[in-house]
Amino acid sequence: MSKKEIIAGLIIALIVVFFLSPLASSLPDGLERVAKDHGFIARGEQSNVWIAPVPEYVFPGIKNEKLAVSISGLLGTVVIFGIGCSVAFLLKRRKD
């Protein structure tokens, strides 16, 4: 895969994330729903193992919630892309 194809894929992913992430459901995900249904959600919310950098998928400091969600999605996409590229680079270097 060429660098142009990788960059094009990243740009497409960023465009999709920016415009579609505000349309995501605000309903709880499956695990959260099960915890609510069975009455143990409060136990899971008592202590944080790790504090999320962008809690509830809303970038802090931005008043427009849809824009905050979009920026959160952009940030997450870029971070995961960077991690993936780093792992690929290390694996390729190791193979050579």
C-alpha atoms as a PDB file:
ATOM      1  CA  MET A   1       0.000   0.000   0.000  1.00  0.00           C
ATOM      2  CA  SER A   2       1.436   3.370  -0.965  1.00  0.00           C
ATOM      3  CA  LYS A   3       1.698   6.405   1.277  1.00  0.00           C
ATOM      4  CA  LYS A   4      -0.834   8.221  -0.920  1.00  0.00           C
ATOM      5  CA  GLU A   5      -3.383   5.459  -0.370  1.00  0.00           C
ATOM      6  CA  ILE A   6      -2.790   5.521   3.378  1.00  0.00           C
ATOM      7  CA  ILE A   7      -3.185   9.303   3.553  1.00  0.00           C
ATOM      8  CA  ALA A   8      -6.321   9.118   1.361  1.00  0.00           C
ATOM      9  CA  GLY A   9      -7.779   6.475   3.699  1.00  0.00           C
ATOM     10  CA  LEU A  10      -7.023   8.628   6.730  1.00  0.00           C
ATOM     11  CA  ILE A  11      -8.668  11.663   5.140  1.00  0.00           C
ATOM     12  CA  ILE A  12     -11.767   9.643   4.248  1.00  0.00           C
ATOM     13  CA  ALA A  13     -11.922   8.253   7.797  1.00  0.00           C
ATOM     14  CA  LEU A  14     -11.610  11.762   9.258  1.00  0.00           C
ATOM     15  CA  ILE A  15     -14.388  13.090   7.014  1.00  0.00           C
ATOM     16  CA  VAL A  16     -16.684  10.185   7.928  1.00  0.00           C
ATOM     17  CA  VAL A  17     -15.943  10.556  11.650  1.00  0.00           C
ATOM     18  CA  PHE A  18     -16.468  14.318  11.606  1.00  0.00           C
ATOM     19  CA  PHE A  19     -19.873  14.148   9.953  1.00  0.00           C
ATOM     20  CA  LEU A  20     -21.266  10.865  11.322  1.00  0.00           C
ATOM     21  CA  SER A  21     -20.112  10.843  14.957  1.00  0.00           C
ATOM     22  CA  PRO A  22     -22.725  13.438  16.041  1.00  0.00           C
ATOM     23  CA  LEU A  23     -25.395  11.083  14.684  1.00  0.00           C
ATOM     24  CA  ALA A  24     -24.411   8.223  17.021  1.00  0.00           C
ATOM     25  CA  SER A  25     -27.054   6.969  19.398  1.00  0.00           C
ATOM     26  CA  SER A  26     -27.171   8.547  22.834  1.00  0.00           C
ATOM     27  CA  LEU A  27     -28.656   5.347  24.275  1.00  0.00           C
ATOM     28  CA  PRO A  28     -26.380   3.251  26.523  1.00  0.00           C
ATOM     29  CA  ASP A  29     -24.260   0.578  24.865  1.00  0.00           C
ATOM     30  CA  GLY A  30     -24.892  -3.115  25.504  1.00  0.00           C
ATOM     31  CA  LEU A  31     -22.688  -3.500  28.581  1.00  0.00           C
ATOM     32  CA  GLU A  32     -24.026  -0.343  30.198  1.00  0.00           C
ATOM     33  CA  ARG A  33     -27.597  -1.427  29.487  1.00  0.00           C
ATOM     34  CA  VAL A  34     -27.061  -4.844  31.074  1.00  0.00           C
ATOM     35  CA  ALA A  35     -25.503  -3.182  34.148  1.00  0.00           C
ATOM     36  CA  LYS A  36     -28.535  -0.888  34.464  1.00  0.00           C
ATOM     37  CA  ASP A  37     -31.023  -3.721  33.927  1.00  0.00           C
ATOM     38  CA  HIS A  38     -29.376  -5.910  36.579  1.00  0.00           C
ATOM     39  CA  GLY A  39     -28.832  -3.095  39.062  1.00  0.00           C
ATOM     40  CA  PHE A  40     -25.059  -3.067  39.389  1.00  0.00           C
ATOM     41  CA  ILE A  41     -24.142   0.011  37.352  1.00  0.00           C
ATOM     42  CA  ALA A  42     -23.449   2.051  40.502  1.00  0.00           C
ATOM     43  CA  ARG A  43     -20.688  -0.359  41.574  1.00  0.00           C
ATOM     44  CA  GLY A  44     -18.885   0.171  38.286  1.00  0.00           C
ATOM     45  CA  GLU A  45     -19.064   3.937  38.591  1.00  0.00           C
ATOM     46  CA  GLN A  46     -17.629   4.118  42.122  1.00  0.00           C
ATOM     47  CA  SER A  47     -13.949   4.093  41.235  1.00  0.00           C
ATOM     48  CA  ASN A  48     -12.125   4.877  38.033  1.00  0.00           C
ATOM     49  CA  VAL A  49      -9.361   2.559  36.963  1.00  0.00           C
ATOM     50  CA  TRP A  50      -8.337   5.096  34.355  1.00  0.00           C
ATOM     51  CA  ILE A  51      -9.632   8.606  33.777  1.00  0.00           C
ATOM     52  CA  ALA A  52     -10.756   9.009  30.194  1.00  0.00           C
ATOM     53  CA  PRO A  53      -9.025  11.813  28.276  1.00  0.00           C
ATOM     54  CA  VAL A  54     -12.324  12.660  26.544  1.00  0.00           C
ATOM     55  CA  PRO A  55     -15.135  11.532  28.862  1.00  0.00           C
ATOM     56  CA  GLU A  56     -18.488  10.624  27.311  1.00  0.00           C
ATOM     57  CA  TYR A  57     -16.977  11.219  23.833  1.00  0.00           C
ATOM     58  CA  VAL A  58     -17.427  14.987  24.217  1.00  0.00           C
ATOM     59  CA  PHE A  59     -14.289  17.108  23.876  1.00  0.00           C
ATOM     60  CA  PRO A  60     -14.092  19.350  26.952  1.00  0.00           C
ATOM     61  CA  GLY A  61     -14.311  23.124  26.631  1.00  0.00           C
ATOM     62  CA  ILE A  62     -16.522  23.204  23.536  1.00  0.00           C
ATOM     63  CA  LYS A  63     -20.086  24.353  24.169  1.00  0.00           C
ATOM     64  CA  ASN A  64     -21.593  22.989  20.944  1.00  0.00           C
ATOM     65  CA  GLU A  65     -22.100  19.310  21.803  1.00  0.00           C
ATOM     66  CA  LYS A  66     -22.185  18.068  18.193  1.00  0.00           C
ATOM     67  CA  LEU A  67     -18.926  19.854  17.394  1.00  0.00           C
ATOM     68  CA  ALA A  68     -17.385  18.536  20.630  1.00  0.00           C
ATOM     69  CA  VAL A  69     -18.339  14.973  19.659  1.00  0.00           C
ATOM     70  CA  SER A  70     -16.924  15.454  16.154  1.00  0.00           C
ATOM     71  CA  ILE A  71     -13.619  16.767  17.488  1.00  0.00           C
ATOM     72  CA  SER A  72     -13.473  13.892  19.942  1.00  0.00           C
ATOM     73  CA  GLY A  73     -13.928  11.480  17.030  1.00  0.00           C
ATOM     74  CA  LEU A  74     -11.217  13.224  15.017  1.00  0.00           C
ATOM     75  CA  LEU A  75      -8.807  13.058  17.931  1.00  0.00           C
ATOM     76  CA  GLY A  76      -9.526   9.372  18.530  1.00  0.00           C
ATOM     77  CA  THR A  77      -9.083   8.544  14.844  1.00  0.00           C
ATOM     78  CA  VAL A  78      -5.742  10.349  14.660  1.00  0.00           C
ATOM     79  CA  VAL A  79      -4.484   8.704  17.867  1.00  0.00           C
ATOM     80  CA  ILE A  80      -5.454   5.196  16.729  1.00  0.00           C
ATOM     81  CA  PHE A  81      -3.999   5.865  13.276  1.00  0.00           C
ATOM     82  CA  GLY A  82      -0.741   6.952  14.909  1.00  0.00           C
ATOM     83  CA  ILE A  83      -0.621   3.856  17.099  1.00  0.00           C
ATOM     84  CA  GLY A  84      -1.338   1.634  14.094  1.00  0.00           C
ATOM     85  CA  CYS A  85       1.387   3.286  12.018  1.00  0.00           C
ATOM     86  CA  SER A  86       3.856   2.959  14.889  1.00  0.00           C
ATOM     87  CA  VAL A  87       3.134  -0.738  15.329  1.00  0.00           C
ATOM     88  CA  ALA A  88       3.365  -1.321  11.563  1.00  0.00           C
ATOM     89  CA  PHE A  89       6.672   0.548  11.424  1.00  0.00           C
ATOM     90  CA  LEU A  90       8.098  -1.480  14.312  1.00  0.00           C
ATOM     91  CA  LEU A  91       6.933  -4.780  12.803  1.00  0.00           C
ATOM     92  CA  LYS A  92       8.337  -3.886   9.405  1.00  0.00           C
ATOM     93  CA  ARG A  93      11.644  -2.834  10.937  1.00  0.00           C
ATOM     94  CA  ARG A  94      11.788  -6.063  12.921  1.00  0.00           C
ATOM     95  CA  LYS A  95      11.101  -8.132   9.786  1.00  0.00           C
ATOM     96  CA  ASP A  96      13.930  -6.470   7.862  1.00  0.00           C
END
